[in-house]
PDB file of N, CA and C in Angstrom:
ATOM      1  N   MET A   1      40.688  27.219  16.482  1.00  0.00           N
ATOM      2  CA  MET A   1      41.755  27.218  17.820  1.00  0.00           C
ATOM      3  C   MET A   1      40.624  27.047  18.905  1.00  0.00           C
ATOM      4  N   ALA A   2      40.997  25.734  19.535  1.00  0.00           N
ATOM      5  CA  ALA A   2      40.560  25.437  20.666  1.00  0.00           C
ATOM      6  C   ALA A   2      41.316  25.959  22.159  1.00  0.00           C
ATOM      7  N   ASN A   3      39.653  25.915  23.616  1.00  0.00           N
ATOM      8  CA  ASN A   3      40.065  26.895  23.727  1.00  0.00           C
ATOM      9  C   ASN A   3      40.362  26.024  25.703  1.00  0.00           C
ATOM     10  N   ILE A   4      41.380  26.265  26.401  1.00  0.00           N
ATOM     11  CA  ILE A   4      42.166  26.113  27.557  1.00  0.00           C
ATOM     12  C   ILE A   4      41.011  25.988  28.385  1.00  0.00           C
ATOM     13  N   VAL A   5      40.398  24.869  28.690  1.00  0.00           N
ATOM     14  CA  VAL A   5      39.698  24.636  30.088  1.00  0.00           C
ATOM     15  C   VAL A   5      40.223  24.000  30.790  1.00  0.00           C
ATOM     16  N   LYS A   6      41.173  23.732  31.199  1.00  0.00           N
ATOM     17  CA  LYS A   6      41.786  22.884  32.562  1.00  0.00           C
ATOM     18  C   LYS A   6      43.298  23.253  32.103  1.00  0.00           C
ATOM     19  N   GLU A   7      44.046  23.169  33.005  1.00  0.00           N
ATOM     20  CA  GLU A   7      45.553  23.584  33.215  1.00  0.00           C
ATOM     21  C   GLU A   7      46.252  23.486  34.272  1.00  0.00           C
ATOM     22  N   THR A   8      46.973  22.006  34.512  1.00  0.00           N
ATOM     23  CA  THR A   8      47.070  21.218  35.742  1.00  0.00           C
ATOM     24  C   THR A   8      49.075  20.975  35.875  1.00  0.00           C
ATOM     25  N   VAL A   9      49.414  21.398  36.459  1.00  0.00           N
ATOM     26  CA  VAL A   9      51.296  20.647  36.661  1.00  0.00           C
ATOM     27  C   VAL A   9      51.226  19.640  38.134  1.00  0.00           C
ATOM     28  N   SER A  10      52.002  18.742  37.793  1.00  0.00           N
ATOM     29  CA  SER A  10      52.653  18.107  39.163  1.00  0.00           C
ATOM     30  C   SER A  10      54.083  17.684  39.174  1.00  0.00           C
ATOM     31  N   LEU A  11      54.597  17.436  40.172  1.00  0.00           N
ATOM     32  CA  LEU A  11      55.859  16.836  40.226  1.00  0.00           C
ATOM     33  C   LEU A  11      56.007  15.911  41.282  1.00  0.00           C
ATOM     34  N   SER A  12      56.627  14.459  40.647  1.00  0.00           N
ATOM     35  CA  SER A  12      57.160  14.066  41.584  1.00  0.00           C
ATOM     36  C   SER A  12      58.589  13.078  41.883  1.00  0.00           C
ATOM     37  N   ARG A  13      58.536  12.640  42.512  1.00  0.00           N
ATOM     38  CA  ARG A  13      59.914  12.226  42.739  1.00  0.00           C
ATOM     39  C   ARG A  13      59.617  10.573  42.190  1.00  0.00           C
ATOM     40  N   GLU A  14      61.249  10.245  42.070  1.00  0.00           N
ATOM     41  CA  GLU A  14      61.409   9.163  41.241  1.00  0.00           C
ATOM     42  C   GLU A  14      62.813   8.889  41.597  1.00  0.00           C
ATOM     43  N   ALA A  15      62.996   6.960  41.518  1.00  0.00           N
ATOM     44  CA  ALA A  15      63.787   6.317  41.816  1.00  0.00           C
ATOM     45  C   ALA A  15      65.282   7.358  40.705  1.00  0.00           C
ATOM     46  N   GLY A  16      66.303   7.265  41.369  1.00  0.00           N
ATOM     47  CA  GLY A  16      67.537   7.566  40.892  1.00  0.00           C
ATOM     48  C   GLY A  16      67.689   9.586  41.504  1.00  0.00           C
ATOM     49  N   GLY A  17      67.483  10.101  42.065  1.00  0.00           N
ATOM     50  CA  GLY A  17      67.500  11.575  42.101  1.00  0.00           C
ATOM     51  C   GLY A  17      66.586  12.057  40.629  1.00  0.00           C
ATOM     52  N   LEU A  18      65.374  11.849  40.388  1.00  0.00           N
ATOM     53  CA  LEU A  18      65.104  12.338  39.304  1.00  0.00           C
ATOM     54  C   LEU A  18      63.392  12.705  39.810  1.00  0.00           C
ATOM     55  N   LEU A  19      63.317  14.009  39.187  1.00  0.00           N
ATOM     56  CA  LEU A  19      62.240  14.406  38.978  1.00  0.00           C
ATOM     57  C   LEU A  19      61.354  14.302  37.833  1.00  0.00           C
ATOM     58  N   ARG A  20      59.932  14.232  38.337  1.00  0.00           N
ATOM     59  CA  ARG A  20      59.282  14.002  37.000  1.00  0.00           C
ATOM     60  C   ARG A  20      57.900  15.003  37.369  1.00  0.00           C
ATOM     61  N   ILE A  21      57.955  15.640  36.374  1.00  0.00           N
ATOM     62  CA  ILE A  21      56.792  16.753  36.050  1.00  0.00           C
ATOM     63  C   ILE A  21      56.147  16.269  35.183  1.00  0.00           C
ATOM     64  N   VAL A  22      54.869  16.103  35.215  1.00  0.00           N
ATOM     65  CA  VAL A  22      53.284  15.657  34.420  1.00  0.00           C
ATOM     66  C   VAL A  22      52.310  16.796  34.124  1.00  0.00           C
ATOM     67  N   HIS A  23      51.864  17.839  33.463  1.00  0.00           N
ATOM     68  CA  HIS A  23      51.044  18.415  32.645  1.00  0.00           C
ATOM     69  C   HIS A  23      50.573  18.754  31.895  1.00  0.00           C
ATOM     70  N   GLU A  24      49.314  18.661  32.615  1.00  0.00           N
ATOM     71  CA  GLU A  24      48.064  18.418  32.110  1.00  0.00           C
ATOM     72  C   GLU A  24      47.244  19.694  31.369  1.00  0.00           C
ATOM     73  N   GLN A  25      47.006  19.693  30.345  1.00  0.00           N
ATOM     74  CA  GLN A  25      46.546  20.600  29.321  1.00  0.00           C
ATOM     75  C   GLN A  25      44.802  20.337  28.500  1.00  0.00           C
ATOM     76  N   ARG A  26      43.952  20.623  28.857  1.00  0.00           N
ATOM     77  CA  ARG A  26      42.942  20.056  27.951  1.00  0.00           C
ATOM     78  C   ARG A  26      42.442  21.348  27.468  1.00  0.00           C
ATOM     79  N   HIS A  27      41.985  20.538  26.270  1.00  0.00           N
ATOM     80  CA  HIS A  27      41.338  21.864  26.112  1.00  0.00           C
ATOM     81  C   HIS A  27      39.529  21.599  25.165  1.00  0.00           C
ATOM     82  N   ASP A  28      38.817  22.387  24.887  1.00  0.00           N
ATOM     83  CA  ASP A  28      37.532  22.105  24.840  1.00  0.00           C
ATOM     84  C   ASP A  28      36.867  21.345  24.167  1.00  0.00           C
ATOM     85  N   ASP A  29      37.970  21.517  23.284  1.00  0.00           N
ATOM     86  CA  ASP A  29      37.895  19.916  22.084  1.00  0.00           C
ATOM     87  C   ASP A  29      37.816  18.584  22.641  1.00  0.00           C
ATOM     88  N   GLY A  30      38.018  18.650  23.664  1.00  0.00           N
ATOM     89  CA  GLY A  30      38.968  17.060  24.414  1.00  0.00           C
ATOM     90  C   GLY A  30      40.362  16.807  24.429  1.00  0.00           C
ATOM     91  N   ILE A  31      41.033  17.423  23.759  1.00  0.00           N
ATOM     92  CA  ILE A  31      42.248  16.845  23.567  1.00  0.00           C
ATOM     93  C   ILE A  31      43.584  17.218  24.936  1.00  0.00           C
ATOM     94  N   ASP A  32      44.536  16.998  25.154  1.00  0.00           N
ATOM     95  CA  ASP A  32      45.186  17.067  25.752  1.00  0.00           C
ATOM     96  C   ASP A  32      46.557  17.482  25.430  1.00  0.00           C
ATOM     97  N   MET A  33      47.386  18.942  25.989  1.00  0.00           N
ATOM     98  CA  MET A  33      48.361  18.945  24.777  1.00  0.00           C
ATOM     99  C   MET A  33      49.429  18.680  25.726  1.00  0.00           C
ATOM    100  N   GLY A  34      49.115  18.610  27.180  1.00  0.00           N
ATOM    101  CA  GLY A  34      50.399  18.387  28.298  1.00  0.00           C
ATOM    102  C   GLY A  34      51.317  17.444  27.358  1.00  0.00           C
ATOM    103  N   GLY A  35      52.011  16.814  28.558  1.00  0.00           N
ATOM    104  CA  GLY A  35      53.128  15.477  28.658  1.00  0.00           C
ATOM    105  C   GLY A  35      53.541  15.773  29.998  1.00  0.00           C
ATOM    106  N   GLU A  36      55.149  14.989  29.987  1.00  0.00           N
ATOM    107  CA  GLU A  36      55.771  14.682  31.192  1.00  0.00           C
ATOM    108  C   GLU A  36      57.115  15.313  30.576  1.00  0.00           C
ATOM    109  N   LEU A  37      57.864  15.965  31.780  1.00  0.00           N
ATOM    110  CA  LEU A  37      59.352  15.891  31.698  1.00  0.00           C
ATOM    111  C   LEU A  37      59.897  15.667  32.599  1.00  0.00           C
ATOM    112  N   VAL A  38      61.009  14.649  32.616  1.00  0.00           N
ATOM    113  CA  VAL A  38      61.918  14.828  33.490  1.00  0.00           C
ATOM    114  C   VAL A  38      63.787  15.206  33.862  1.00  0.00           C
ATOM    115  N   LEU A  39      63.279  15.526  34.563  1.00  0.00           N
ATOM    116  CA  LEU A  39      65.538  16.179  35.123  1.00  0.00           C
ATOM    117  C   LEU A  39      65.884  15.432  36.311  1.00  0.00           C
ATOM    118  N   GLU A  40      67.183  16.028  36.498  1.00  0.00           N
ATOM    119  CA  GLU A  40      67.538  15.356  37.305  1.00  0.00           C
ATOM    120  C   GLU A  40      67.152  16.556  38.650  1.00  0.00           C
ATOM    121  N   GLN A  41      67.097  15.913  39.669  1.00  0.00           N
ATOM    122  CA  GLN A  41      66.369  16.477  40.990  1.00  0.00           C
ATOM    123  C   GLN A  41      67.841  18.056  41.575  1.00  0.00           C
ATOM    124  N   THR A  42      68.874  17.553  40.875  1.00  0.00           N
ATOM    125  CA  THR A  42      69.907  18.669  41.403  1.00  0.00           C
ATOM    126  C   THR A  42      69.863  19.756  40.251  1.00  0.00           C
ATOM    127  N   ALA A  43      69.228  19.765  39.310  1.00  0.00           N
ATOM    128  CA  ALA A  43      68.964  21.169  37.946  1.00  0.00           C
ATOM    129  C   ALA A  43      67.581  21.674  38.994  1.00  0.00           C
ATOM    130  N   ALA A  44      66.875  20.976  39.429  1.00  0.00           N
ATOM    131  CA  ALA A  44      65.777  21.784  39.829  1.00  0.00           C
ATOM    132  C   ALA A  44      65.292  23.062  40.422  1.00  0.00           C
ATOM    133  N   SER A  45      66.648  23.932  41.097  1.00  0.00           N
ATOM    134  CA  SER A  45      66.201  25.853  41.391  1.00  0.00           C
ATOM    135  C   SER A  45      66.573  26.027  39.819  1.00  0.00           C
ATOM    136  N   TRP A  46      67.546  25.677  39.278  1.00  0.00           N
ATOM    137  CA  TRP A  46      68.285  26.391  37.936  1.00  0.00           C
ATOM    138  C   TRP A  46      66.644  26.583  37.104  1.00  0.00           C
ATOM    139  N   VAL A  47      66.187  25.374  36.694  1.00  0.00           N
ATOM    140  CA  VAL A  47      64.921  25.776  36.039  1.00  0.00           C
ATOM    141  C   VAL A  47      64.154  26.472  36.727  1.00  0.00           C
ATOM    142  N   ALA A  48      63.552  26.280  37.552  1.00  0.00           N
ATOM    143  CA  ALA A  48      62.809  27.075  38.402  1.00  0.00           C
ATOM    144  C   ALA A  48      63.233  28.168  38.212  1.00  0.00           C
ATOM    145  N   ASP A  49      64.272  28.974  38.469  1.00  0.00           N
ATOM    146  CA  ASP A  49      64.495  30.087  38.014  1.00  0.00           C
ATOM    147  C   ASP A  49      64.975  31.023  36.902  1.00  0.00           C
ATOM    148  N   ARG A  50      64.804  29.861  35.938  1.00  0.00           N
ATOM    149  CA  ARG A  50      64.354  30.437  34.330  1.00  0.00           C
ATOM    150  C   ARG A  50      63.106  30.264  34.032  1.00  0.00           C
ATOM    151  N   LEU A  51      62.404  29.519  34.985  1.00  0.00           N
ATOM    152  CA  LEU A  51      61.192  29.183  33.952  1.00  0.00           C
ATOM    153  C   LEU A  51      60.365  30.647  34.643  1.00  0.00           C
ATOM    154  N   ASP A  52      61.168  31.360  35.924  1.00  0.00           N
ATOM    155  CA  ASP A  52      60.479  32.335  36.430  1.00  0.00           C
ATOM    156  C   ASP A  52      61.151  33.245  35.616  1.00  0.00           C
ATOM    157  N   ASP A  53      62.063  33.650  35.315  1.00  0.00           N
ATOM    158  CA  ASP A  53      62.341  34.971  34.808  1.00  0.00           C
ATOM    159  C   ASP A  53      61.500  34.586  32.909  1.00  0.00           C
ATOM    160  N   ALA A  54      61.344  33.688  32.434  1.00  0.00           N
ATOM    161  CA  ALA A  54      60.876  33.452  30.954  1.00  0.00           C
ATOM    162  C   ALA A  54      59.360  33.355  31.510  1.00  0.00           C
ATOM    163  N   SER A  55      58.603  33.631  32.635  1.00  0.00           N
ATOM    164  CA  SER A  55      57.243  34.128  32.491  1.00  0.00           C
ATOM    165  C   SER A  55      57.309  35.506  32.600  1.00  0.00           C
ATOM    166  N   GLU A  56      58.555  36.332  32.687  1.00  0.00           N
ATOM    167  CA  GLU A  56      58.558  37.301  32.799  1.00  0.00           C
ATOM    168  C   GLU A  56      59.551  38.099  31.357  1.00  0.00           C
ATOM    169  N   GLY A  57      59.722  37.593  30.347  1.00  0.00           N
ATOM    170  CA  GLY A  57      59.691  37.813  29.187  1.00  0.00           C
ATOM    171  C   GLY A  57      61.134  38.177  29.098  1.00  0.00           C
ATOM    172  N   ALA A  58      62.076  36.904  30.149  1.00  0.00           N
ATOM    173  CA  ALA A  58      63.334  37.094  29.995  1.00  0.00           C
ATOM    174  C   ALA A  58      63.602  36.557  28.101  1.00  0.00           C
ATOM    175  N   PRO A  59      65.139  36.842  27.806  1.00  0.00           N
ATOM    176  CA  PRO A  59      65.420  35.929  26.905  1.00  0.00           C
ATOM    177  C   PRO A  59      65.768  34.341  27.269  1.00  0.00           C
ATOM    178  N   ASN A  60      65.597  33.965  25.958  1.00  0.00           N
ATOM    179  CA  ASN A  60      65.604  32.557  25.567  1.00  0.00           C
ATOM    180  C   ASN A  60      67.300  31.722  26.215  1.00  0.00           C
ATOM    181  N   VAL A  61      66.941  30.697  26.782  1.00  0.00           N
ATOM    182  CA  VAL A  61      68.105  30.371  27.299  1.00  0.00           C
ATOM    183  C   VAL A  61      68.057  28.713  27.126  1.00  0.00           C
ATOM    184  N   ASP A  62      69.872  28.724  26.616  1.00  0.00           N
ATOM    185  CA  ASP A  62      69.763  27.059  26.209  1.00  0.00           C
ATOM    186  C   ASP A  62      70.920  26.680  27.306  1.00  0.00           C
ATOM    187  N   GLN A  63      71.148  25.524  27.641  1.00  0.00           N
ATOM    188  CA  GLN A  63      71.927  25.384  29.341  1.00  0.00           C
ATOM    189  C   GLN A  63      71.902  23.559  28.939  1.00  0.00           C
ATOM    190  N   VAL A  64      73.425  23.192  29.116  1.00  0.00           N
ATOM    191  CA  VAL A  64      73.731  21.961  29.420  1.00  0.00           C
ATOM    192  C   VAL A  64      74.066  21.382  30.994  1.00  0.00           C
ATOM    193  N   ILE A  65      73.187  20.975  31.836  1.00  0.00           N
ATOM    194  CA  ILE A  65      73.811  20.359  33.520  1.00  0.00           C
ATOM    195  C   ILE A  65      73.439  19.091  32.956  1.00  0.00           C
ATOM    196  N   GLY A  66      74.936  18.606  33.101  1.00  0.00           N
ATOM    197  CA  GLY A  66      74.675  17.212  33.871  1.00  0.00           C
ATOM    198  C   GLY A  66      74.540  16.383  32.362  1.00  0.00           C
ATOM    199  N   VAL A  67      73.578  15.728  32.726  1.00  0.00           N
ATOM    200  CA  VAL A  67      73.083  14.637  31.368  1.00  0.00           C
ATOM    201  C   VAL A  67      71.625  15.202  30.842  1.00  0.00           C
ATOM    202  N   ASP A  68      71.196  16.163  31.602  1.00  0.00           N
ATOM    203  CA  ASP A  68      70.015  17.069  30.948  1.00  0.00           C
ATOM    204  C   ASP A  68      70.570  18.781  30.132  1.00  0.00           C
ATOM    205  N   HIS A  69      69.813  18.611  28.504  1.00  0.00           N
ATOM    206  CA  HIS A  69      70.143  19.941  28.087  1.00  0.00           C
ATOM    207  C   HIS A  69      68.817  20.300  27.856  1.00  0.00           C
ATOM    208  N   PHE A  70      68.456  21.803  28.982  1.00  0.00           N
ATOM    209  CA  PHE A  70      67.467  22.423  28.915  1.00  0.00           C
ATOM    210  C   PHE A  70      67.351  24.052  27.927  1.00  0.00           C
ATOM    211  N   THR A  71      66.226  24.017  27.535  1.00  0.00           N
ATOM    212  CA  THR A  71      65.836  25.256  26.483  1.00  0.00           C
ATOM    213  C   THR A  71      64.440  26.202  27.360  1.00  0.00           C
ATOM    214  N   VAL A  72      64.742  27.361  27.377  1.00  0.00           N
ATOM    215  CA  VAL A  72      63.717  27.839  28.181  1.00  0.00           C
ATOM    216  C   VAL A  72      63.126  29.127  27.232  1.00  0.00           C
ATOM    217  N   TYR A  73      61.868  29.088  27.047  1.00  0.00           N
ATOM    218  CA  TYR A  73      61.634  30.717  26.194  1.00  0.00           C
ATOM    219  C   TYR A  73      60.142  30.520  26.346  1.00  0.00           C
ATOM    220  N   SER A  74      60.114  31.759  26.243  1.00  0.00           N
ATOM    221  CA  SER A  74      58.615  32.121  25.950  1.00  0.00           C
ATOM    222  C   SER A  74      58.156  32.549  24.469  1.00  0.00           C
ATOM    223  N   GLY A  75      56.957  32.713  24.545  1.00  0.00           N
ATOM    224  CA  GLY A  75      55.850  32.792  23.393  1.00  0.00           C
ATOM    225  C   GLY A  75      54.965  32.508  23.290  1.00  0.00           C
ATOM    226  N   GLY A  76      53.966  32.528  22.441  1.00  0.00           N
ATOM    227  CA  GLY A  76      52.921  32.578  22.289  1.00  0.00           C
ATOM    228  C   GLY A  76      52.308  33.917  22.215  1.00  0.00           C
ATOM    229  N   SER A  77      51.378  34.955  22.328  1.00  0.00           N
ATOM    230  CA  SER A  77      50.766  36.277  21.599  1.00  0.00           C
ATOM    231  C   SER A  77      50.586  36.785  22.905  1.00  0.00           C
ATOM    232  N   ASP A  78      50.471  37.681  22.699  1.00  0.00           N
ATOM    233  CA  ASP A  78      49.913  39.066  23.854  1.00  0.00           C
ATOM    234  C   ASP A  78      49.136  38.457  24.956  1.00  0.00           C
ATOM    235  N   SER A  79      47.824  37.877  24.902  1.00  0.00           N
ATOM    236  CA  SER A  79      46.872  37.842  25.217  1.00  0.00           C
ATOM    237  C   SER A  79      47.054  36.201  25.869  1.00  0.00           C
ATOM    238  N   GLN A  80      47.421  35.375  25.142  1.00  0.00           N
ATOM    239  CA  GLN A  80      47.566  34.200  25.660  1.00  0.00           C
ATOM    240  C   GLN A  80      49.464  33.824  26.046  1.00  0.00           C
ATOM    241  N   PRO A  81      50.043  34.321  26.899  1.00  0.00           N
ATOM    242  CA  PRO A  81      51.612  34.227  26.624  1.00  0.00           C
ATOM    243  C   PRO A  81      51.803  32.323  27.302  1.00  0.00           C
ATOM    244  N   PHE A  82      52.558  31.791  26.572  1.00  0.00           N
ATOM    245  CA  PHE A  82      53.110  30.529  26.946  1.00  0.00           C
ATOM    246  C   PHE A  82      55.036  30.066  27.474  1.00  0.00           C
ATOM    247  N   VAL A  83      55.278  30.059  28.756  1.00  0.00           N
ATOM    248  CA  VAL A  83      56.554  29.809  28.994  1.00  0.00           C
ATOM    249  C   VAL A  83      56.720  27.779  27.865  1.00  0.00           C
ATOM    250  N   HIS A  84      57.978  27.821  27.779  1.00  0.00           N
ATOM    251  CA  HIS A  84      58.362  26.617  27.166  1.00  0.00           C
ATOM    252  C   HIS A  84      59.803  26.204  27.622  1.00  0.00           C
ATOM    253  N   LEU A  85      59.603  24.901  27.694  1.00  0.00           N
ATOM    254  CA  LEU A  85      60.567  24.250  28.437  1.00  0.00           C
ATOM    255  C   LEU A  85      60.891  23.137  28.073  1.00  0.00           C
ATOM    256  N   HIS A  86      61.465  22.814  27.484  1.00  0.00           N
ATOM    257  CA  HIS A  86      62.611  21.320  26.676  1.00  0.00           C
ATOM    258  C   HIS A  86      63.759  21.092  27.563  1.00  0.00           C
ATOM    259  N   ASN A  87      63.930  19.698  27.611  1.00  0.00           N
ATOM    260  CA  ASN A  87      64.971  18.630  28.110  1.00  0.00           C
ATOM    261  C   ASN A  87      65.072  17.895  26.995  1.00  0.00           C
ATOM    262  N   GLN A  88      66.568  17.788  26.050  1.00  0.00           N
ATOM    263  CA  GLN A  88      66.996  16.696  25.782  1.00  0.00           C
ATOM    264  C   GLN A  88      68.129  16.082  26.381  1.00  0.00           C
ATOM    265  N   ARG A  89      67.315  15.199  27.450  1.00  0.00           N
ATOM    266  CA  ARG A  89      67.952  14.188  28.455  1.00  0.00           C
ATOM    267  C   ARG A  89      69.136  13.216  27.202  1.00  0.00           C
ATOM    268  N   ASP A  90      70.107  13.522  27.858  1.00  0.00           N
ATOM    269  CA  ASP A  90      71.544  12.249  27.043  1.00  0.00           C
ATOM    270  C   ASP A  90      70.861  10.642  27.036  1.00  0.00           C
ATOM    271  N   ALA A  91      70.535   9.736  25.816  1.00  0.00           N
ATOM    272  CA  ALA A  91      69.796   8.653  25.803  1.00  0.00           C
ATOM    273  C   ALA A  91      70.656   7.873  26.525  1.00  0.00           C
ATOM    274  N   SER A  92      72.065   8.078  26.871  1.00  0.00           N
ATOM    275  CA  SER A  92      72.129   7.251  28.045  1.00  0.00           C
ATOM    276  C   SER A  92      71.871   6.953  29.386  1.00  0.00           C
ATOM    277  N   ALA A  93      70.962   8.567  29.970  1.00  0.00           N
ATOM    278  CA  ALA A  93      70.405   8.596  31.021  1.00  0.00           C
ATOM    279  C   ALA A  93      69.873   7.827  31.132  1.00  0.00           C
ATOM    280  N   PRO A  94      69.512   7.750  32.812  1.00  0.00           N
ATOM    281  CA  PRO A  94      67.982   6.740  32.985  1.00  0.00           C
ATOM    282  C   PRO A  94      66.980   7.235  32.152  1.00  0.00           C
ATOM    283  N   ARG A  95      65.505   6.933  31.482  1.00  0.00           N
ATOM    284  CA  ARG A  95      64.865   8.157  31.146  1.00  0.00           C
ATOM    285  C   ARG A  95      65.206   9.005  30.090  1.00  0.00           C
ATOM    286  N   GLY A  96      66.245   9.036  29.516  1.00  0.00           N
ATOM    287  CA  GLY A  96      66.423   9.635  28.222  1.00  0.00           C
ATOM    288  C   GLY A  96      66.398   9.790  26.944  1.00  0.00           C
ATOM    289  N   LYS A  97      65.943  10.991  26.755  1.00  0.00           N
ATOM    290  CA  LYS A  97      64.718  11.460  25.892  1.00  0.00           C
ATOM    291  C   LYS A  97      64.567  13.076  25.629  1.00  0.00           C
ATOM    292  N   LEU A  98      63.863  13.436  24.512  1.00  0.00           N
ATOM    293  CA  LEU A  98      63.301  14.823  24.372  1.00  0.00           C
ATOM    294  C   LEU A  98      62.128  14.906  25.039  1.00  0.00           C
ATOM    295  N   TYR A  99      62.200  15.388  26.339  1.00  0.00           N
ATOM    296  CA  TYR A  99      60.616  16.160  26.532  1.00  0.00           C
ATOM    297  C   TYR A  99      60.361  17.620  26.237  1.00  0.00           C
ATOM    298  N   THR A 100      59.234  18.005  26.000  1.00  0.00           N
ATOM    299  CA  THR A 100      58.924  19.568  25.715  1.00  0.00           C
ATOM    300  C   THR A 100      57.630  19.566  26.533  1.00  0.00           C
ATOM    301  N   LEU A 101      57.500  20.558  27.320  1.00  0.00           N
ATOM    302  CA  LEU A 101      56.114  21.328  28.094  1.00  0.00           C
ATOM    303  C   LEU A 101      56.135  22.697  27.670  1.00  0.00           C
ATOM    304  N   GLY A 102      54.720  22.927  26.938  1.00  0.00           N
ATOM    305  CA  GLY A 102      54.300  24.626  27.327  1.00  0.00           C
ATOM    306  C   GLY A 102      53.225  25.259  27.445  1.00  0.00           C
ATOM    307  N   MET A 103      53.483  25.908  28.758  1.00  0.00           N
ATOM    308  CA  MET A 103      52.624  26.499  29.462  1.00  0.00           C
ATOM    309  C   MET A 103      52.263  27.409  29.518  1.00  0.00           C
ATOM    310  N   GLN A 104      50.881  27.621  30.195  1.00  0.00           N
ATOM    311  CA  GLN A 104      50.574  29.046  30.230  1.00  0.00           C
ATOM    312  C   GLN A 104      51.085  29.621  31.574  1.00  0.00           C
ATOM    313  N   VAL A 105      51.450  30.649  31.414  1.00  0.00           N
ATOM    314  CA  VAL A 105      51.815  31.342  33.005  1.00  0.00           C
ATOM    315  C   VAL A 105      51.190  31.314  34.527  1.00  0.00           C
ATOM    316  N   PRO A 106      50.317  30.924  34.596  1.00  0.00           N
ATOM    317  CA  PRO A 106      50.136  30.572  35.371  1.00  0.00           C
ATOM    318  C   PRO A 106      50.552  29.169  35.830  1.00  0.00           C
ATOM    319  N   ALA A 107      50.372  28.234  35.152  1.00  0.00           N
ATOM    320  CA  ALA A 107      50.621  26.913  35.171  1.00  0.00           C
ATOM    321  C   ALA A 107      52.318  26.969  35.875  1.00  0.00           C
ATOM    322  N   THR A 108      53.119  28.026  34.931  1.00  0.00           N
ATOM    323  CA  THR A 108      54.131  28.225  35.107  1.00  0.00           C
ATOM    324  C   THR A 108      54.674  28.526  36.327  1.00  0.00           C
ATOM    325  N   LYS A 109      54.344  29.619  36.820  1.00  0.00           N
ATOM    326  CA  LYS A 109      54.298  30.265  37.972  1.00  0.00           C
ATOM    327  C   LYS A 109      54.549  28.735  39.184  1.00  0.00           C
ATOM    328  N   GLN A 110      52.956  27.900  39.546  1.00  0.00           N
ATOM    329  CA  GLN A 110      52.896  27.013  40.077  1.00  0.00           C
ATOM    330  C   GLN A 110      54.070  25.983  39.862  1.00  0.00           C
ATOM    331  N   LEU A 111      54.670  25.693  38.875  1.00  0.00           N
ATOM    332  CA  LEU A 111      55.862  24.752  38.346  1.00  0.00           C
ATOM    333  C   LEU A 111      56.557  25.558  39.075  1.00  0.00           C
ATOM    334  N   VAL A 112      57.001  26.189  39.036  1.00  0.00           N
ATOM    335  CA  VAL A 112      58.233  27.213  39.641  1.00  0.00           C
ATOM    336  C   VAL A 112      58.197  26.607  41.082  1.00  0.00           C
ATOM    337  N   GLY A 113      56.929  26.846  42.260  1.00  0.00           N
ATOM    338  CA  GLY A 113      57.114  26.869  43.246  1.00  0.00           C
ATOM    339  C   GLY A 113      57.016  25.004  44.090  1.00  0.00           C
ATOM    340  N   LEU A 114      56.931  24.239  42.810  1.00  0.00           N
ATOM    341  CA  LEU A 114      57.236  23.138  43.137  1.00  0.00           C
ATOM    342  C   LEU A 114      58.712  22.934  42.957  1.00  0.00           C
ATOM    343  N   LEU A 115      58.933  22.988  41.694  1.00  0.00           N
ATOM    344  CA  LEU A 115      60.852  22.831  41.685  1.00  0.00           C
ATOM    345  C   LEU A 115      61.353  23.245  43.064  1.00  0.00           C
ATOM    346  N   ARG A 116      60.969  24.758  43.302  1.00  0.00           N
ATOM    347  CA  ARG A 116      61.674  25.257  44.707  1.00  0.00           C
ATOM    348  C   ARG A 116      61.452  24.648  45.885  1.00  0.00           C
ATOM    349  N   GLY A 117      60.269  23.638  46.228  1.00  0.00           N
ATOM    350  CA  GLY A 117      60.099  22.929  47.303  1.00  0.00           C
ATOM    351  C   GLY A 117      60.478  21.844  47.044  1.00  0.00           C
ATOM    352  N   ALA A 118      61.420  21.181  45.878  1.00  0.00           N
ATOM    353  CA  ALA A 118      61.972  19.819  45.439  1.00  0.00           C
ATOM    354  C   ALA A 118      63.379  19.402  46.091  1.00  0.00           C
TER     355      ALA A 118
END
């Protein structure tokens, strides 16, 4: 199992009221297990609250908000917990597709702050 040597998240605004999360999770074998996730800016506060809850071990959440269908849950092990955020964005929506992120708790907390400031 490779060790995570670097993990970062960033948030940017895109045209049409979209937010783009970029997650980098670099492992010591050189592989980046990060990715991106797009969501409507109007859902940012809700997603931030659910990520914060999940980082504290709250139950799984599955919620449709407009063209976004979010699933938020925690997983991993006690020594290396992860928070997972999925968005099955409607195919007819701009940037519509399935997005999946799996972050360690510190990166999740960083993303919560970014989303609350969006």
